[in-house]
Amino acid sequence: MNRSCLRLAMALGIWIIGSVCGAKSEAQIMRFRSAITETLPKIVKIVGSGGSRGLEAYQSGVLISAEGHVLTTWSYVLDSGVITLTTGEGFKHEATLVGFDPKLDIAILKIDVADAPHFSIDNISTTEAGDRVLAFSNLYNVATGNEPVSIQQGFVSAVSNLSAIRGTWQSPYQGTAYFLDAMTNNPGATGGALTDRNGSLIGLIGKEMRDSRTGAWLNFGVPIGELKSSIRAIIDGQQQSSLSERDTNPRPSEPMSLELMGAWLVPEIVKRTPPYVDRVAAGSAAAKAGMVVDDLIIEVDGVMTPSSADVTQRLKGIDRDAAVPITVQRGNQFVELTVKLN
């Protein structure tokens, strides 16, 4: 093995020496090194909830703006009063939840920084089957301080739709995915970055996914192009535009409410507490419609409701005598309910 190549790989602290040292030229090695060193500061480590439930309380994220916006996976880890984020330099920040899109399984966090190193979602790349890719993530929570996150290399095995077939691969996301030959989707890896060999962002590492029939694990990333419009909508606050517009309309004299339906949400600990159902009264309208504890209300009458406050606000604009369409997320499935008091 070339000694200079070995020293380079050891200096980078990576486990893909064979790939680096298999490069055909010194120029290729240097481009590879540049891609890694430029990408590492754009990856963050996220710690939130989960430990009390016997689940991992950590995952990964990707900086996508100089102002500190972080793209990650929407998960139970973010269902926390305090979300701690650690940058590549080892600085810890308390992150706020800007918004999320359950149907795409993504969330946007925000930390108070300026001029943060980041990927631009306006300049994203794509890939195809047979292309080599790199995966950057804090899998297994190996990097707890200013240590660099883990790096894996592999190939795109296929580009196809990720279908949530009952009893097989269960995922809220239904669009195009990059299927990988590397074991990328391990605990803590979700929300990490999938890049090409030049360090250009091509995808977001998905959640752990297992076939319940065979026990086989699926390793995949979601193309950033599939997420771009939703990312922009969350950052620009467009999720709330429809609610704001309806605020100008006259409200009914007797509005609907969750309490009238016979349902209550989890306590609103933070400003944008996700609207999880905490209790459903037996025999109530909500119970008759099929609502159950731990349902996440994501839409009320066709309007996205990313927080408990949004659910309350939306219901205030609906007459209590109306039949109210509500979409909930239950596990990895979306369930359509219609709640009517009488």
C-alpha atoms as a PDB file:
ATOM      1  CA  MET A   1       0.000   0.000   0.000  1.00  0.00           C
ATOM      2  CA  ASN A   2       1.210   3.505  -0.826  1.00  0.00           C
ATOM      3  CA  ARG A   3       2.511   4.999   2.456  1.00  0.00           C
ATOM      4  CA  SER A   4       1.459   8.574   1.656  1.00  0.00           C
ATOM      5  CA  CYS A   5      -2.031   7.302   0.921  1.00  0.00           C
ATOM      6  CA  LEU A   6      -2.152   5.411   4.216  1.00  0.00           C
ATOM      7  CA  ARG A   7      -1.036   8.516   6.131  1.00  0.00           C
ATOM      8  CA  LEU A   8      -3.767  10.537   4.373  1.00  0.00           C
ATOM      9  CA  ALA A   9      -6.477   8.047   5.308  1.00  0.00           C
ATOM     10  CA  MET A  10      -5.282   7.884   8.918  1.00  0.00           C
ATOM     11  CA  ALA A  11      -5.204  11.675   9.156  1.00  0.00           C
ATOM     12  CA  LEU A  12      -8.779  11.851   7.936  1.00  0.00           C
ATOM     13  CA  GLY A  13      -9.818   9.294  10.534  1.00  0.00           C
ATOM     14  CA  ILE A  14     -11.852   7.266   8.058  1.00  0.00           C
ATOM     15  CA  TRP A  15     -12.532   3.563   7.626  1.00  0.00           C
ATOM     16  CA  ILE A  16     -12.439   3.487   3.863  1.00  0.00           C
ATOM     17  CA  ILE A  17      -8.703   3.349   3.312  1.00  0.00           C
ATOM     18  CA  GLY A  18      -9.041   0.825   0.537  1.00  0.00           C
ATOM     19  CA  SER A  19     -11.305   3.137  -1.394  1.00  0.00           C
ATOM     20  CA  VAL A  20      -9.039   6.129  -0.933  1.00  0.00           C
ATOM     21  CA  CYS A  21      -5.882   4.252  -1.740  1.00  0.00           C
ATOM     22  CA  GLY A  22      -7.481   2.646  -4.738  1.00  0.00           C
ATOM     23  CA  ALA A  23      -7.685   6.038  -6.441  1.00  0.00           C
ATOM     24  CA  LYS A  24      -5.850   6.172  -9.729  1.00  0.00           C
ATOM     25  CA  SER A  25      -4.042   9.459  -9.175  1.00  0.00           C
ATOM     26  CA  GLU A  26      -2.869  11.889  -6.534  1.00  0.00           C
ATOM     27  CA  ALA A  27      -5.356  14.428  -7.918  1.00  0.00           C
ATOM     28  CA  GLN A  28      -8.218  12.020  -7.278  1.00  0.00           C
ATOM     29  CA  ILE A  29      -7.001  11.439  -3.733  1.00  0.00           C
ATOM     30  CA  MET A  30      -6.873  15.179  -3.067  1.00  0.00           C
ATOM     31  CA  ARG A  31     -10.380  15.718  -4.501  1.00  0.00           C
ATOM     32  CA  PHE A  32     -11.619  12.940  -2.275  1.00  0.00           C
ATOM     33  CA  ARG A  33      -9.920  14.481   0.752  1.00  0.00           C
ATOM     34  CA  SER A  34     -11.364  17.896  -0.077  1.00  0.00           C
ATOM     35  CA  ALA A  35     -14.882  16.464  -0.352  1.00  0.00           C
ATOM     36  CA  ILE A  36     -14.617  14.890   3.091  1.00  0.00           C
ATOM     37  CA  THR A  37     -13.040  17.851   4.884  1.00  0.00           C
ATOM     38  CA  GLU A  38     -15.595  20.259   3.395  1.00  0.00           C
ATOM     39  CA  THR A  39     -18.551  18.037   4.256  1.00  0.00           C
ATOM     40  CA  LEU A  40     -17.769  17.152   7.880  1.00  0.00           C
ATOM     41  CA  PRO A  41     -18.484  20.675   9.314  1.00  0.00           C
ATOM     42  CA  LYS A  42     -21.935  20.593   7.663  1.00  0.00           C
ATOM     43  CA  ILE A  43     -23.062  17.531   9.630  1.00  0.00           C
ATOM     44  CA  VAL A  44     -24.521  17.911  13.131  1.00  0.00           C
ATOM     45  CA  LYS A  45     -25.328  15.539  15.979  1.00  0.00           C
ATOM     46  CA  ILE A  46     -28.796  15.723  17.528  1.00  0.00           C
ATOM     47  CA  VAL A  47     -29.856  14.553  20.996  1.00  0.00           C
ATOM     48  CA  GLY A  48     -33.448  14.702  22.182  1.00  0.00           C
ATOM     49  CA  SER A  49     -36.014  12.277  23.541  1.00  0.00           C
ATOM     50  CA  GLY A  50     -36.161   8.510  23.445  1.00  0.00           C
ATOM     51  CA  GLY A  51     -34.034   7.230  26.290  1.00  0.00           C
ATOM     52  CA  SER A  52     -36.920   6.935  28.748  1.00  0.00           C
ATOM     53  CA  ARG A  53     -38.728   4.711  26.232  1.00  0.00           C
ATOM     54  CA  GLY A  54     -35.765   2.436  25.709  1.00  0.00           C
ATOM     55  CA  LEU A  55     -35.110   3.921  22.267  1.00  0.00           C
ATOM     56  CA  GLU A  56     -32.108   5.773  20.878  1.00  0.00           C
ATOM     57  CA  ALA A  57     -32.190   9.439  21.877  1.00  0.00           C
ATOM     58  CA  TYR A  58     -29.914  10.629  19.094  1.00  0.00           C
ATOM     59  CA  GLN A  59     -29.772  11.098  15.332  1.00  0.00           C
ATOM     60  CA  SER A  60     -27.983  13.173  12.688  1.00  0.00           C
ATOM     61  CA  GLY A  61     -28.716  16.371  10.785  1.00  0.00           C
ATOM     62  CA  VAL A  62     -27.497  18.481   7.877  1.00  0.00           C
ATOM     63  CA  LEU A  63     -26.908  22.245   7.940  1.00  0.00           C
ATOM     64  CA  ILE A  64     -28.695  23.821   4.957  1.00  0.00           C
ATOM     65  CA  SER A  65     -28.365  27.561   5.624  1.00  0.00           C
ATOM     66  CA  ALA A  66     -25.823  30.040   6.938  1.00  0.00           C
ATOM     67  CA  GLU A  67     -28.428  31.081   9.524  1.00  0.00           C
ATOM     68  CA  GLY A  68     -28.418  27.655  11.160  1.00  0.00           C
ATOM     69  CA  HIS A  69     -31.328  25.770   9.595  1.00  0.00           C
ATOM     70  CA  VAL A  70     -30.868  22.022   9.972  1.00  0.00           C
ATOM     71  CA  LEU A  71     -32.567  19.362   7.873  1.00  0.00           C
ATOM     72  CA  THR A  72     -33.158  16.055   9.627  1.00  0.00           C
ATOM     73  CA  THR A  73     -35.628  13.189   9.886  1.00  0.00           C
ATOM     74  CA  TRP A  74     -38.920  13.677  11.717  1.00  0.00           C
ATOM     75  CA  SER A  75     -38.840  11.168  14.588  1.00  0.00           C
ATOM     76  CA  TYR A  76     -39.563  10.570  18.281  1.00  0.00           C
ATOM     77  CA  VAL A  77     -36.085  11.989  19.029  1.00  0.00           C
ATOM     78  CA  LEU A  78     -37.473  15.468  18.298  1.00  0.00           C
ATOM     79  CA  ASP A  79     -40.476  14.922  20.576  1.00  0.00           C
ATOM     80  CA  SER A  80     -38.637  16.625  23.388  1.00  0.00           C
ATOM     81  CA  GLY A  81     -38.782  19.821  25.422  1.00  0.00           C
ATOM     82  CA  VAL A  82     -35.066  20.332  24.809  1.00  0.00           C
ATOM     83  CA  ILE A  83     -33.278  19.361  21.597  1.00  0.00           C
ATOM     84  CA  THR A  84     -29.493  19.642  21.802  1.00  0.00           C
ATOM     85  CA  LEU A  85     -27.433  19.957  18.665  1.00  0.00           C
ATOM     86  CA  THR A  86     -23.653  19.684  18.400  1.00  0.00           C
ATOM     87  CA  THR A  87     -21.816  21.122  15.399  1.00  0.00           C
ATOM     88  CA  GLY A  88     -18.738  19.657  13.778  1.00  0.00           C
ATOM     89  CA  GLU A  89     -16.542  21.975  15.836  1.00  0.00           C
ATOM     90  CA  GLY A  90     -17.984  20.563  19.061  1.00  0.00           C
ATOM     91  CA  PHE A  91     -20.144  23.583  19.984  1.00  0.00           C
ATOM     92  CA  LYS A  92     -23.466  22.701  21.599  1.00  0.00           C
ATOM     93  CA  HIS A  93     -26.670  24.615  20.846  1.00  0.00           C
ATOM     94  CA  GLU A  94     -30.276  24.342  21.930  1.00  0.00           C
ATOM     95  CA  ALA A  95     -32.288  23.843  18.750  1.00  0.00           C
ATOM     96  CA  THR A  96     -35.867  24.908  18.085  1.00  0.00           C
ATOM     97  CA  LEU A  97     -38.274  23.006  15.869  1.00  0.00           C
ATOM     98  CA  VAL A  98     -39.240  25.235  12.938  1.00  0.00           C
ATOM     99  CA  GLY A  99     -41.623  22.749  11.340  1.00  0.00           C
ATOM    100  CA  PHE A 100     -42.004  19.277   9.922  1.00  0.00           C
ATOM    101  CA  ASP A 101     -43.640  17.368   7.096  1.00  0.00           C
ATOM    102  CA  PRO A 102     -44.774  13.924   8.325  1.00  0.00           C
ATOM    103  CA  LYS A 103     -45.612  12.698   4.815  1.00  0.00           C
ATOM    104  CA  LEU A 104     -42.010  13.248   3.740  1.00  0.00           C
ATOM    105  CA  ASP A 105     -40.636  12.244   7.157  1.00  0.00           C
ATOM    106  CA  ILE A 106     -38.530  15.421   7.502  1.00  0.00           C
ATOM    107  CA  ALA A 107     -38.153  18.222  10.025  1.00  0.00           C
ATOM    108  CA  ILE A 108     -36.335  21.562  10.095  1.00  0.00           C
ATOM    109  CA  LEU A 109     -34.539  22.716  13.234  1.00  0.00           C
ATOM    110  CA  LYS A 110     -32.891  26.079  13.866  1.00  0.00           C
ATOM    111  CA  ILE A 111     -29.884  27.084  15.966  1.00  0.00           C
ATOM    112  CA  ASP A 112     -28.675  30.604  16.685  1.00  0.00           C
ATOM    113  CA  VAL A 113     -25.515  30.903  14.563  1.00  0.00           C
ATOM    114  CA  ALA A 114     -24.231  33.062  11.735  1.00  0.00           C
ATOM    115  CA  ASP A 115     -22.197  32.129   8.657  1.00  0.00           C
ATOM    116  CA  ALA A 116     -22.539  28.413   9.363  1.00  0.00           C
ATOM    117  CA  PRO A 117     -20.929  26.035   6.834  1.00  0.00           C
ATOM    118  CA  HIS A 118     -23.822  24.464   4.964  1.00  0.00           C
ATOM    119  CA  PHE A 119     -25.125  22.703   1.878  1.00  0.00           C
ATOM    120  CA  SER A 120     -27.184  24.780  -0.542  1.00  0.00           C
ATOM    121  CA  ILE A 121     -30.399  23.034  -1.506  1.00  0.00           C
ATOM    122  CA  ASP A 122     -30.480  25.252  -4.595  1.00  0.00           C
ATOM    123  CA  ASN A 123     -27.402  23.454  -5.939  1.00  0.00           C
ATOM    124  CA  ILE A 124     -28.133  19.789  -5.416  1.00  0.00           C
ATOM    125  CA  SER A 125     -26.891  16.822  -7.400  1.00  0.00           C
ATOM    126  CA  THR A 126     -28.540  13.578  -8.420  1.00  0.00           C
ATOM    127  CA  THR A 127     -27.157  10.096  -8.850  1.00  0.00           C
ATOM    128  CA  GLU A 128     -28.049   6.833 -10.544  1.00  0.00           C
ATOM    129  CA  ALA A 129     -27.513   3.127 -10.113  1.00  0.00           C
ATOM    130  CA  GLY A 130     -23.843   2.208 -10.103  1.00  0.00           C
ATOM    131  CA  ASP A 131     -22.593   5.567  -8.809  1.00  0.00           C
ATOM    132  CA  ARG A 132     -20.357   5.670  -5.745  1.00  0.00           C
ATOM    133  CA  VAL A 133     -21.640   7.669  -2.781  1.00  0.00           C
ATOM    134  CA  LEU A 134     -20.532   8.705   0.707  1.00  0.00           C
ATOM    135  CA  ALA A 135     -22.695   8.632   3.834  1.00  0.00           C
ATOM    136  CA  PHE A 136     -21.965  11.017   6.743  1.00  0.00           C
ATOM    137  CA  SER A 137     -23.749  10.398  10.047  1.00  0.00           C
ATOM    138  CA  ASN A 138     -23.353   9.916  13.785  1.00  0.00           C
ATOM    139  CA  LEU A 139     -24.393   6.282  13.703  1.00  0.00           C
ATOM    140  CA  TYR A 140     -24.331   4.572  17.108  1.00  0.00           C
ATOM    141  CA  ASN A 141     -23.607   7.995  18.693  1.00  0.00           C
ATOM    142  CA  VAL A 142     -19.873   7.399  18.260  1.00  0.00           C
ATOM    143  CA  ALA A 143     -19.050  11.123  18.049  1.00  0.00           C
ATOM    144  CA  THR A 144     -20.184  12.800  21.275  1.00  0.00           C
ATOM    145  CA  GLY A 145     -17.985  15.903  21.270  1.00  0.00           C
ATOM    146  CA  ASN A 146     -15.908  17.488  18.542  1.00  0.00           C
ATOM    147  CA  GLU A 147     -14.996  14.110  17.018  1.00  0.00           C
ATOM    148  CA  PRO A 148     -15.893  13.852  13.335  1.00  0.00           C
ATOM    149  CA  VAL A 149     -18.954  11.843  12.433  1.00  0.00           C
ATOM    150  CA  SER A 150     -18.590   8.475  10.747  1.00  0.00           C
ATOM    151  CA  ILE A 151     -18.096   8.139   7.000  1.00  0.00           C
ATOM    152  CA  GLN A 152     -19.133   5.175   4.881  1.00  0.00           C
ATOM    153  CA  GLN A 153     -18.773   4.547   1.200  1.00  0.00           C
ATOM    154  CA  GLY A 154     -20.840   2.416  -1.103  1.00  0.00           C
ATOM    155  CA  PHE A 155     -22.702   2.272  -4.381  1.00  0.00           C
ATOM    156  CA  VAL A 156     -26.246   3.077  -5.410  1.00  0.00           C
ATOM    157  CA  SER A 157     -27.781  -0.338  -6.093  1.00  0.00           C
ATOM    158  CA  ALA A 158     -31.029   1.009  -7.519  1.00  0.00           C
ATOM    159  CA  VAL A 159     -33.173   4.114  -7.862  1.00  0.00           C
ATOM    160  CA  SER A 160     -36.842   3.289  -7.333  1.00  0.00           C
ATOM    161  CA  ASN A 161     -39.977   4.150  -5.377  1.00  0.00           C
ATOM    162  CA  LEU A 162     -40.095   3.309  -1.693  1.00  0.00           C
ATOM    163  CA  SER A 163     -43.475   1.649  -1.260  1.00  0.00           C
ATOM    164  CA  ALA A 164     -44.906   1.026   2.176  1.00  0.00           C
ATOM    165  CA  ILE A 165     -46.220  -2.500   1.661  1.00  0.00           C
ATOM    166  CA  ARG A 166     -48.137  -3.750   4.680  1.00  0.00           C
ATOM    167  CA  GLY A 167     -45.967  -6.143   6.668  1.00  0.00           C
ATOM    168  CA  THR A 168     -42.852  -5.335   4.656  1.00  0.00           C
ATOM    169  CA  TRP A 169     -41.133  -1.956   4.323  1.00  0.00           C
ATOM    170  CA  GLN A 170     -43.171   0.470   6.468  1.00  0.00           C
ATOM    171  CA  SER A 171     -42.438   4.142   5.801  1.00  0.00           C
ATOM    172  CA  PRO A 172     -44.521   7.346   5.619  1.00  0.00           C
ATOM    173  CA  TYR A 173     -42.412   8.471   2.648  1.00  0.00           C
ATOM    174  CA  GLN A 174     -43.619   6.990  -0.640  1.00  0.00           C
ATOM    175  CA  GLY A 175     -41.454   8.669  -3.267  1.00  0.00           C
ATOM    176  CA  THR A 176     -38.198   7.960  -5.084  1.00  0.00           C
ATOM    177  CA  ALA A 177     -35.309   6.575  -3.027  1.00  0.00           C
ATOM    178  CA  TYR A 178     -31.657   5.682  -3.522  1.00  0.00           C
ATOM    179  CA  PHE A 179     -31.097   2.076  -2.419  1.00  0.00           C
ATOM    180  CA  LEU A 180     -27.540   1.465  -1.172  1.00  0.00           C
ATOM    181  CA  ASP A 181     -25.212  -1.496  -0.802  1.00  0.00           C
ATOM    182  CA  ALA A 182     -23.640  -0.076   2.387  1.00  0.00           C
ATOM    183  CA  MET A 183     -25.012  -0.517   5.926  1.00  0.00           C
ATOM    184  CA  THR A 184     -25.885   3.142   6.296  1.00  0.00           C
ATOM    185  CA  ASN A 185     -29.242   3.044   8.097  1.00  0.00           C
ATOM    186  CA  ASN A 186     -28.118   2.101  11.615  1.00  0.00           C
ATOM    187  CA  PRO A 187     -29.194   3.701  14.927  1.00  0.00           C
ATOM    188  CA  GLY A 188     -28.353   7.414  14.937  1.00  0.00           C
ATOM    189  CA  ALA A 189     -27.672   7.612  11.196  1.00  0.00           C
ATOM    190  CA  THR A 190     -31.089   8.868  10.137  1.00  0.00           C
ATOM    191  CA  GLY A 191     -30.960  12.500   9.046  1.00  0.00           C
ATOM    192  CA  GLY A 192     -27.353  12.269   7.914  1.00  0.00           C
ATOM    193  CA  ALA A 193     -26.048  13.315   4.512  1.00  0.00           C
ATOM    194  CA  LEU A 194     -25.657  11.236   1.398  1.00  0.00           C
ATOM    195  CA  THR A 195     -23.192  12.851  -1.018  1.00  0.00           C
ATOM    196  CA  ASP A 196     -21.437  12.030  -4.233  1.00  0.00           C
ATOM    197  CA  ARG A 197     -17.649  11.599  -4.237  1.00  0.00           C
ATOM    198  CA  ASN A 198     -17.224  15.346  -4.771  1.00  0.00           C
ATOM    199  CA  GLY A 199     -19.108  16.150  -1.574  1.00  0.00           C
ATOM    200  CA  SER A 200     -22.270  17.423  -3.278  1.00  0.00           C
ATOM    201  CA  LEU A 201     -25.447  16.714  -1.321  1.00  0.00           C
ATOM    202  CA  ILE A 202     -27.685  14.196  -3.076  1.00  0.00           C
ATOM    203  CA  GLY A 203     -29.867  12.754  -0.325  1.00  0.00           C
ATOM    204  CA  LEU A 204     -30.902  12.407   3.297  1.00  0.00           C
ATOM    205  CA  ILE A 205     -30.241   9.090   5.048  1.00  0.00           C
ATOM    206  CA  GLY A 206     -33.563   7.468   5.958  1.00  0.00           C
ATOM    207  CA  LYS A 207     -34.709   5.709   9.103  1.00  0.00           C
ATOM    208  CA  GLU A 208     -33.898   2.153  10.052  1.00  0.00           C
ATOM    209  CA  MET A 209     -36.231  -0.071   8.083  1.00  0.00           C
ATOM    210  CA  ARG A 210     -36.723  -3.797   8.449  1.00  0.00           C
ATOM    211  CA  ASP A 211     -38.847  -6.332   6.591  1.00  0.00           C
ATOM    212  CA  SER A 212     -41.041  -7.849   9.311  1.00  0.00           C
ATOM    213  CA  ARG A 213     -41.350 -11.097   7.342  1.00  0.00           C
ATOM    214  CA  THR A 214     -37.716 -11.821   6.487  1.00  0.00           C
ATOM    215  CA  GLY A 215     -35.777  -9.655   8.971  1.00  0.00           C
ATOM    216  CA  ALA A 216     -33.834  -8.029   6.119  1.00  0.00           C
ATOM    217  CA  TRP A 217     -32.712  -4.431   6.626  1.00  0.00           C
ATOM    218  CA  LEU A 218     -33.102  -1.771   3.956  1.00  0.00           C
ATOM    219  CA  ASN A 219     -30.440   0.909   3.453  1.00  0.00           C
ATOM    220  CA  PHE A 220     -31.633   3.962   1.563  1.00  0.00           C
ATOM    221  CA  GLY A 221     -31.495   7.722   1.141  1.00  0.00           C
ATOM    222  CA  VAL A 222     -34.190  10.170   0.028  1.00  0.00           C
ATOM    223  CA  PRO A 223     -33.191  12.456  -2.872  1.00  0.00           C
ATOM    224  CA  ILE A 224     -33.014  16.101  -1.807  1.00  0.00           C
ATOM    225  CA  GLY A 225     -34.906  17.053  -4.941  1.00  0.00           C
ATOM    226  CA  GLU A 226     -37.935  15.202  -3.541  1.00  0.00           C
ATOM    227  CA  LEU A 227     -37.763  17.299  -0.357  1.00  0.00           C
ATOM    228  CA  LYS A 228     -36.774  20.723  -1.681  1.00  0.00           C
ATOM    229  CA  SER A 229     -40.207  22.350  -2.026  1.00  0.00           C
ATOM    230  CA  SER A 230     -41.299  21.223   1.439  1.00  0.00           C
ATOM    231  CA  ILE A 231     -38.017  22.420   2.969  1.00  0.00           C
ATOM    232  CA  ARG A 232     -38.585  25.855   1.444  1.00  0.00           C
ATOM    233  CA  ALA A 233     -42.191  25.965   2.634  1.00  0.00           C
ATOM    234  CA  ILE A 234     -41.196  25.141   6.217  1.00  0.00           C
ATOM    235  CA  ILE A 235     -38.346  27.672   6.339  1.00  0.00           C
ATOM    236  CA  ASP A 236     -40.466  30.415   4.723  1.00  0.00           C
ATOM    237  CA  GLY A 237     -43.372  29.756   7.076  1.00  0.00           C
ATOM    238  CA  GLN A 238     -45.719  28.856   4.241  1.00  0.00           C
ATOM    239  CA  GLN A 239     -47.149  25.978   6.230  1.00  0.00           C
ATOM    240  CA  GLN A 240     -49.034  28.566   8.209  1.00  0.00           C
ATOM    241  CA  SER A 241     -50.198  30.746   5.302  1.00  0.00           C
ATOM    242  CA  SER A 242     -53.526  28.965   4.855  1.00  0.00           C
ATOM    243  CA  LEU A 243     -54.273  29.268   8.574  1.00  0.00           C
ATOM    244  CA  SER A 244     -53.412  32.959   8.559  1.00  0.00           C
ATOM    245  CA  GLU A 245     -55.619  33.597   5.553  1.00  0.00           C
ATOM    246  CA  ARG A 246     -58.588  31.893   7.212  1.00  0.00           C
ATOM    247  CA  ASP A 247     -58.074  34.016  10.328  1.00  0.00           C
ATOM    248  CA  THR A 248     -59.522  36.964   8.390  1.00  0.00           C
ATOM    249  CA  ASN A 249     -62.812  35.097   7.827  1.00  0.00           C
ATOM    250  CA  PRO A 250     -65.675  35.359  10.333  1.00  0.00           C
ATOM    251  CA  ARG A 251     -65.526  32.587  12.906  1.00  0.00           C
ATOM    252  CA  PRO A 252     -68.622  30.557  13.747  1.00  0.00           C
ATOM    253  CA  SER A 253     -70.491  31.535  16.880  1.00  0.00           C
ATOM    254  CA  GLU A 254     -70.196  27.966  18.137  1.00  0.00           C
ATOM    255  CA  PRO A 255     -66.810  26.621  16.987  1.00  0.00           C
ATOM    256  CA  MET A 256     -65.553  23.083  17.137  1.00  0.00           C
ATOM    257  CA  SER A 257     -62.906  22.018  19.670  1.00  0.00           C
ATOM    258  CA  LEU A 258     -61.036  18.858  20.611  1.00  0.00           C
ATOM    259  CA  GLU A 259     -62.705  18.868  23.999  1.00  0.00           C
ATOM    260  CA  LEU A 260     -66.130  18.739  22.322  1.00  0.00           C
ATOM    261  CA  MET A 261     -64.867  15.821  20.234  1.00  0.00           C
ATOM    262  CA  GLY A 262     -63.722  14.087  23.412  1.00  0.00           C
ATOM    263  CA  ALA A 263     -59.974  14.226  22.780  1.00  0.00           C
ATOM    264  CA  TRP A 264     -57.041  15.979  24.426  1.00  0.00           C
ATOM    265  CA  LEU A 265     -53.497  16.603  23.200  1.00  0.00           C
ATOM    266  CA  VAL A 266     -50.231  16.217  25.095  1.00  0.00           C
ATOM    267  CA  PRO A 267     -49.323  19.268  27.227  1.00  0.00           C
ATOM    268  CA  GLU A 268     -47.949  22.174  25.220  1.00  0.00           C
ATOM    269  CA  ILE A 269     -44.445  22.224  26.693  1.00  0.00           C
ATOM    270  CA  VAL A 270     -42.829  24.237  23.909  1.00  0.00           C
ATOM    271  CA  LYS A 271     -44.167  26.714  21.365  1.00  0.00           C
ATOM    272  CA  ARG A 272     -44.424  24.172  18.545  1.00  0.00           C
ATOM    273  CA  THR A 273     -45.396  21.045  20.458  1.00  0.00           C
ATOM    274  CA  PRO A 274     -46.379  18.331  17.943  1.00  0.00           C
ATOM    275  CA  PRO A 275     -50.112  17.554  18.272  1.00  0.00           C
ATOM    276  CA  TYR A 276     -50.057  14.021  19.672  1.00  0.00           C
ATOM    277  CA  VAL A 277     -53.318  12.727  21.124  1.00  0.00           C
ATOM    278  CA  ASP A 278     -52.893  12.171  24.862  1.00  0.00           C
ATOM    279  CA  ARG A 279     -56.394  10.969  25.786  1.00  0.00           C
ATOM    280  CA  VAL A 280     -59.641   9.944  24.077  1.00  0.00           C
ATOM    281  CA  ALA A 281     -62.869   9.698  26.049  1.00  0.00           C
ATOM    282  CA  ALA A 282     -64.715   6.402  25.685  1.00  0.00           C
ATOM    283  CA  GLY A 283     -67.875   6.745  23.599  1.00  0.00           C
ATOM    284  CA  SER A 284     -66.928  10.239  22.402  1.00  0.00           C
ATOM    285  CA  ALA A 285     -67.185  11.501  18.822  1.00  0.00           C
ATOM    286  CA  ALA A 286     -63.402  11.171  18.480  1.00  0.00           C
ATOM    287  CA  ALA A 287     -63.487   7.579  19.704  1.00  0.00           C
ATOM    288  CA  LYS A 288     -66.349   6.696  17.353  1.00  0.00           C
ATOM    289  CA  ALA A 289     -64.364   8.176  14.447  1.00  0.00           C
ATOM    290  CA  GLY A 290     -61.434   5.894  15.299  1.00  0.00           C
ATOM    291  CA  MET A 291     -59.021   8.319  16.980  1.00  0.00           C
ATOM    292  CA  VAL A 292     -56.670   6.664  19.476  1.00  0.00           C
ATOM    293  CA  VAL A 293     -53.989   7.702  21.953  1.00  0.00           C
ATOM    294  CA  ASP A 294     -50.610   8.583  20.365  1.00  0.00           C
ATOM    295  CA  ASP A 295     -52.176   9.539  17.011  1.00  0.00           C
ATOM    296  CA  LEU A 296     -50.356  12.544  15.533  1.00  0.00           C
ATOM    297  CA  ILE A 297     -52.822  15.017  14.007  1.00  0.00           C
ATOM    298  CA  ILE A 298     -51.212  16.292  10.819  1.00  0.00           C
ATOM    299  CA  GLU A 299     -54.187  17.858   8.992  1.00  0.00           C
ATOM    300  CA  VAL A 300     -57.550  19.308  10.007  1.00  0.00           C
ATOM    301  CA  ASP A 301     -60.023  19.919   7.177  1.00  0.00           C
ATOM    302  CA  GLY A 302     -57.225  19.733   4.594  1.00  0.00           C
ATOM    303  CA  VAL A 303     -54.922  22.210   6.382  1.00  0.00           C
ATOM    304  CA  MET A 304     -51.569  21.050   7.782  1.00  0.00           C
ATOM    305  CA  THR A 305     -51.353  21.443  11.557  1.00  0.00           C
ATOM    306  CA  PRO A 306     -47.710  21.061  12.650  1.00  0.00           C
ATOM    307  CA  SER A 307     -48.339  22.091  16.270  1.00  0.00           C
ATOM    308  CA  SER A 308     -50.952  21.790  19.002  1.00  0.00           C
ATOM    309  CA  ALA A 309     -51.706  25.495  18.664  1.00  0.00           C
ATOM    310  CA  ASP A 310     -52.410  25.035  14.955  1.00  0.00           C
ATOM    311  CA  VAL A 311     -54.956  22.298  15.655  1.00  0.00           C
ATOM    312  CA  THR A 312     -56.753  24.535  18.150  1.00  0.00           C
ATOM    313  CA  GLN A 313     -56.665  27.502  15.796  1.00  0.00           C
ATOM    314  CA  ARG A 314     -57.970  25.508  12.843  1.00  0.00           C
ATOM    315  CA  LEU A 315     -60.878  24.057  14.815  1.00  0.00           C
ATOM    316  CA  LYS A 316     -61.940  27.543  15.929  1.00  0.00           C
ATOM    317  CA  GLY A 317     -62.773  28.268  12.289  1.00  0.00           C
ATOM    318  CA  ILE A 318     -65.075  25.238  11.942  1.00  0.00           C
ATOM    319  CA  ASP A 319     -68.702  25.087  13.115  1.00  0.00           C
ATOM    320  CA  ARG A 320     -69.369  22.454  15.771  1.00  0.00           C
ATOM    321  CA  ASP A 321     -72.163  20.966  13.664  1.00  0.00           C
ATOM    322  CA  ALA A 322     -69.801  20.239  10.749  1.00  0.00           C
ATOM    323  CA  ALA A 323     -68.260  16.886   9.902  1.00  0.00           C
ATOM    324  CA  VAL A 324     -64.520  17.494  10.339  1.00  0.00           C
ATOM    325  CA  PRO A 325     -61.983  15.577   8.187  1.00  0.00           C
ATOM    326  CA  ILE A 326     -58.842  14.861  10.220  1.00  0.00           C
ATOM    327  CA  THR A 327     -55.700  13.094   9.030  1.00  0.00           C
ATOM    328  CA  VAL A 328     -53.561  11.411  11.671  1.00  0.00           C
ATOM    329  CA  GLN A 329     -50.264   9.588  11.507  1.00  0.00           C
ATOM    330  CA  ARG A 330     -50.371   6.274  13.346  1.00  0.00           C
ATOM    331  CA  GLY A 331     -46.960   4.666  13.344  1.00  0.00           C
ATOM    332  CA  ASN A 332     -45.885   4.730   9.693  1.00  0.00           C
ATOM    333  CA  GLN A 333     -49.418   4.936   8.317  1.00  0.00           C
ATOM    334  CA  PHE A 334     -51.744   7.850   7.570  1.00  0.00           C
ATOM    335  CA  VAL A 335     -55.351   7.399   8.653  1.00  0.00           C
ATOM    336  CA  GLU A 336     -58.259   9.527   7.458  1.00  0.00           C
ATOM    337  CA  LEU A 337     -60.937  10.202  10.069  1.00  0.00           C
ATOM    338  CA  THR A 338     -64.209  12.141   9.993  1.00  0.00           C
ATOM    339  CA  VAL A 339     -65.389  13.463  13.333  1.00  0.00           C
ATOM    340  CA  LYS A 340     -68.991  14.636  13.816  1.00  0.00           C
ATOM    341  CA  LEU A 341     -70.612  15.468  17.131  1.00  0.00           C
ATOM    342  CA  ASN A 342     -74.125  14.299  16.257  1.00  0.00           C
END
